[in-house]
Protein backbone atom coordinates (compact mmCIF):
# COMPACT_ATOMS: atom_id res chain seq x y z
CA MET A 1 0.00 0.00 0.00
CA SER A 2 1.41 3.40 -0.93
CA ASP A 3 2.07 6.03 1.69
CA ASP A 4 -0.18 8.51 -0.17
CA LYS A 5 -3.11 6.07 -0.04
CA THR A 6 -2.49 5.37 3.64
CA VAL A 7 -2.49 9.09 4.44
CA ARG A 8 -5.59 9.71 2.30
CA ASP A 9 -7.39 6.81 3.99
CA GLY A 10 -6.43 8.27 7.38
CA PHE A 11 -7.96 11.65 6.50
CA LEU A 12 -11.10 10.01 5.14
CA SER A 13 -11.43 7.85 8.24
CA THR A 14 -11.13 10.94 10.43
CA VAL A 15 -13.80 12.76 8.40
CA VAL A 16 -16.19 9.78 8.59
CA ASN A 17 -15.69 9.67 12.38
CA GLN A 18 -16.30 13.43 12.66
CA ILE A 19 -19.56 13.08 10.74
CA ALA A 20 -20.69 10.04 12.73
CA GLU A 21 -19.89 11.70 16.07
CA ASN A 22 -21.13 15.13 14.95
CA ASP A 23 -17.84 16.60 16.21
CA PRO A 24 -17.38 19.17 14.95
CA PRO A 25 -21.01 19.57 13.91
CA GLU A 26 -19.87 21.60 10.91
CA ALA A 27 -18.36 18.46 9.35
CA LYS A 28 -21.76 16.78 9.18
CA ALA A 29 -23.44 20.01 8.06
CA THR A 30 -20.83 20.43 5.31
CA TYR A 31 -21.23 16.80 4.23
CA GLU A 32 -25.01 17.21 3.98
CA ARG A 33 -24.70 20.57 2.18
CA LEU A 34 -22.30 19.17 -0.41
CA GLN A 35 -24.56 16.19 -1.07
CA ALA A 36 -27.55 18.53 -1.43
CA GLN A 37 -25.48 20.39 -4.04
CA GLY A 38 -25.27 17.18 -6.06
CA LEU A 39 -21.90 15.78 -5.00
CA THR A 40 -21.61 12.07 -4.33
CA GLU A 41 -20.86 10.72 -0.88
CA GLY A 42 -17.28 10.04 -1.93
CA GLN A 43 -16.77 13.49 -3.42
CA ALA A 44 -18.14 15.18 -0.30
CA LEU A 45 -15.90 13.11 1.98
CA GLN A 46 -12.86 13.81 -0.18
CA LEU A 47 -13.46 17.57 -0.17
CA ILE A 48 -13.83 17.65 3.61
CA GLY A 49 -10.69 15.53 3.81
CA LEU A 50 -8.87 18.13 1.71
CA ALA A 51 -9.94 20.87 4.11
CA LEU A 52 -8.66 18.77 7.02
CA LYS A 53 -5.40 18.09 5.20
CA LYS A 54 -4.92 21.78 4.41
CA GLU A 55 -5.38 22.73 8.08
CA MET A 56 -3.03 19.96 9.23
CA LYS A 57 -0.33 21.08 6.76
CA GLN A 58 -0.65 24.66 8.02
CA MET A 59 -0.50 23.45 11.61
CA ILE A 60 2.77 21.64 10.91
CA ALA A 61 4.22 24.54 8.89
CA GLU A 62 3.47 26.99 11.71
CA SER A 63 4.34 24.59 14.56
CA ARG A 64 1.02 25.20 16.29
CA GLY A 65 -2.00 23.29 17.47
CA PHE A 66 -4.96 22.40 15.32
CA ASP A 67 -7.14 25.46 14.62
CA ASN A 68 -10.71 24.20 14.64
CA GLU A 69 -12.08 27.60 13.63
CA ARG A 70 -9.83 27.68 10.55
CA TYR A 71 -10.89 24.14 9.67
CA ILE A 72 -14.56 25.16 9.95
CA ALA A 73 -13.89 28.23 7.77
CA LEU A 74 -12.26 25.98 5.14
CA MET A 75 -15.26 23.64 5.18
CA LYS A 76 -17.66 26.56 4.73
CA LYS A 77 -15.86 27.47 1.46
CA LEU A 78 -16.32 24.01 -0.04
CA PRO A 79 -16.66 22.91 -2.76
CA GLU A 80 -14.10 25.67 -3.45
CA ILE A 81 -10.70 24.97 -1.95
CA ASP A 82 -7.82 27.43 -1.97
């Protein structure tokens, strides 16, 4: 299994857990909004995973903790992703 696939699967697993646990609630709301806009389940999960990945990369680059508010702001922009 490639490292990229393992990392991607980890992000997707995290997103699925966030939606199932409604924590943060914005993950489930974003998932439902994206599906209502016509995206498939997989597309919606992947986009939320990209938002999570973007925040995690920034966290590492800035040597800081996870910024939940920034993650929520990224999800609110979906399906657009900077």
